[in-house]
Each structure stands twice: as structure tokens, then as C-alpha cells.
Amino acid sequence: MKQRLCPKCGGKDMRTSDIKSTHIQVSALRGAYLQYYVCVSCGYVESYITDPKQLARIAEKWKP
């Protein structure tokens, strides 16, 4: 969906918000903010962590 094409319905009308208020816990004291992409044709939603530092921490802390 980052490429502006819905994997569910093939729709091309994707929307995203600059507001990053929701996060997931990476470790006991750290969280990572999520950026959402929404297909306004079918309602499908994907979320991405945009900070590469947080991705590295998840690779380090979380089980495979």
C-alpha cells in the first residue's frame, strides 16, 4: 500500500495521516509509532513503523 495500490481490492485511492499517535511496545521503556495507510475503496488498513532505529530494536528484542 505504500506504493499506492491496495493488495486486497487493487484500489488506487490510498490515504495516510501525518499524525502518528498510536504505538507498539518495542521494549519495557520504548515504543514505536505507526503510520497507517487506508484504502478508501474497501477499508483495508496497513500500518508501518517508519523509524529504522525502532526496527533495529525490534529485531534485537523480539523473538523470530
C-alpha atoms as a PDB file:
ATOM      1  CA  MET A   1       0.000   0.000   0.000  1.00  0.00           C
ATOM      2  CA  LYS A   2       2.975   2.307   0.348  1.00  0.00           C
ATOM      3  CA  GLN A   3       3.098   2.123  -3.456  1.00  0.00           C
ATOM      4  CA  ARG A   4      -0.493   3.407  -3.542  1.00  0.00           C
ATOM      5  CA  LEU A   5      -2.098   0.144  -4.628  1.00  0.00           C
ATOM      6  CA  CYS A   6      -4.358  -1.894  -2.335  1.00  0.00           C
ATOM      7  CA  PRO A   7      -3.295  -5.557  -2.129  1.00  0.00           C
ATOM      8  CA  LYS A   8      -6.868  -6.587  -1.293  1.00  0.00           C
ATOM      9  CA  CYS A   9      -9.018  -4.886  -3.943  1.00  0.00           C
ATOM     10  CA  GLY A  10      -6.490  -3.283  -6.306  1.00  0.00           C
ATOM     11  CA  GLY A  11      -7.847   0.173  -5.461  1.00  0.00           C
ATOM     12  CA  LYS A  12      -5.652   3.181  -6.106  1.00  0.00           C
ATOM     13  CA  ASP A  13      -7.169   5.626  -3.620  1.00  0.00           C
ATOM     14  CA  MET A  14      -4.903   5.293  -0.577  1.00  0.00           C
ATOM     15  CA  ARG A  15      -4.856   7.733   2.300  1.00  0.00           C
ATOM     16  CA  THR A  16      -2.383   8.235   5.111  1.00  0.00           C
ATOM     17  CA  SER A  17      -2.132  10.577   8.046  1.00  0.00           C
ATOM     18  CA  ASP A  18       0.843  12.562   9.278  1.00  0.00           C
ATOM     19  CA  ILE A  19      -0.421  12.044  12.828  1.00  0.00           C
ATOM     20  CA  LYS A  20       1.472   9.190  14.486  1.00  0.00           C
ATOM     21  CA  SER A  21      -0.270   8.767  17.819  1.00  0.00           C
ATOM     22  CA  THR A  22      -0.610   5.006  18.116  1.00  0.00           C
ATOM     23  CA  HIS A  23       2.421   2.969  19.012  1.00  0.00           C
ATOM     24  CA  ILE A  24       3.504  -0.561  19.877  1.00  0.00           C
ATOM     25  CA  GLN A  25       5.823  -1.540  22.707  1.00  0.00           C
ATOM     26  CA  VAL A  26       9.320  -2.362  21.493  1.00  0.00           C
ATOM     27  CA  SER A  27      10.775  -2.950  24.959  1.00  0.00           C
ATOM     28  CA  ALA A  28       9.787  -2.146  28.525  1.00  0.00           C
ATOM     29  CA  LEU A  29      10.584   1.553  28.151  1.00  0.00           C
ATOM     30  CA  ARG A  30      10.357   2.147  24.410  1.00  0.00           C
ATOM     31  CA  GLY A  31       7.606   2.308  21.851  1.00  0.00           C
ATOM     32  CA  ALA A  32       7.481   2.780  18.085  1.00  0.00           C
ATOM     33  CA  TYR A  33       4.954   4.991  16.360  1.00  0.00           C
ATOM     34  CA  LEU A  34       2.903   3.599  13.495  1.00  0.00           C
ATOM     35  CA  GLN A  35       1.899   5.215  10.226  1.00  0.00           C
ATOM     36  CA  TYR A  36      -1.351   3.940   8.741  1.00  0.00           C
ATOM     37  CA  TYR A  37      -2.352   3.504   5.114  1.00  0.00           C
ATOM     38  CA  VAL A  38      -6.075   3.102   4.381  1.00  0.00           C
ATOM     39  CA  CYS A  39      -7.743   2.049   1.134  1.00  0.00           C
ATOM     40  CA  VAL A  40     -10.849   4.198   0.892  1.00  0.00           C
ATOM     41  CA  SER A  41     -12.316   1.830  -1.702  1.00  0.00           C
ATOM     42  CA  CYS A  42     -12.576  -1.235   0.553  1.00  0.00           C
ATOM     43  CA  GLY A  43     -11.368  -0.156   4.015  1.00  0.00           C
ATOM     44  CA  TYR A  44      -8.245  -2.320   4.130  1.00  0.00           C
ATOM     45  CA  VAL A  45      -5.613  -0.928   6.544  1.00  0.00           C
ATOM     46  CA  GLU A  46      -1.860  -1.487   6.831  1.00  0.00           C
ATOM     47  CA  SER A  47       0.478   0.013   9.403  1.00  0.00           C
ATOM     48  CA  TYR A  48       4.223   0.589   9.243  1.00  0.00           C
ATOM     49  CA  ILE A  49       6.949   1.561  11.657  1.00  0.00           C
ATOM     50  CA  THR A  50       8.799   4.371   9.951  1.00  0.00           C
ATOM     51  CA  ASP A  51      11.795   4.835  12.272  1.00  0.00           C
ATOM     52  CA  PRO A  52      14.657   2.497  11.229  1.00  0.00           C
ATOM     53  CA  LYS A  53      16.132   2.686  14.746  1.00  0.00           C
ATOM     54  CA  GLN A  54      12.963   1.140  16.146  1.00  0.00           C
ATOM     55  CA  LEU A  55      13.047  -1.608  13.514  1.00  0.00           C
ATOM     56  CA  ALA A  56      16.585  -2.475  14.617  1.00  0.00           C
ATOM     57  CA  ARG A  57      15.456  -2.585  18.261  1.00  0.00           C
ATOM     58  CA  ILE A  58      12.566  -4.894  17.388  1.00  0.00           C
ATOM     59  CA  ALA A  59      14.975  -7.219  15.543  1.00  0.00           C
ATOM     60  CA  GLU A  60      17.150  -7.222  18.636  1.00  0.00           C
ATOM     61  CA  LYS A  61      14.433  -7.629  21.304  1.00  0.00           C
ATOM     62  CA  TRP A  62      11.574  -9.632  19.764  1.00  0.00           C
ATOM     63  CA  LYS A  63      11.542 -13.369  19.119  1.00  0.00           C
ATOM     64  CA  PRO A  64      11.633 -14.510  15.473  1.00  0.00           C
END
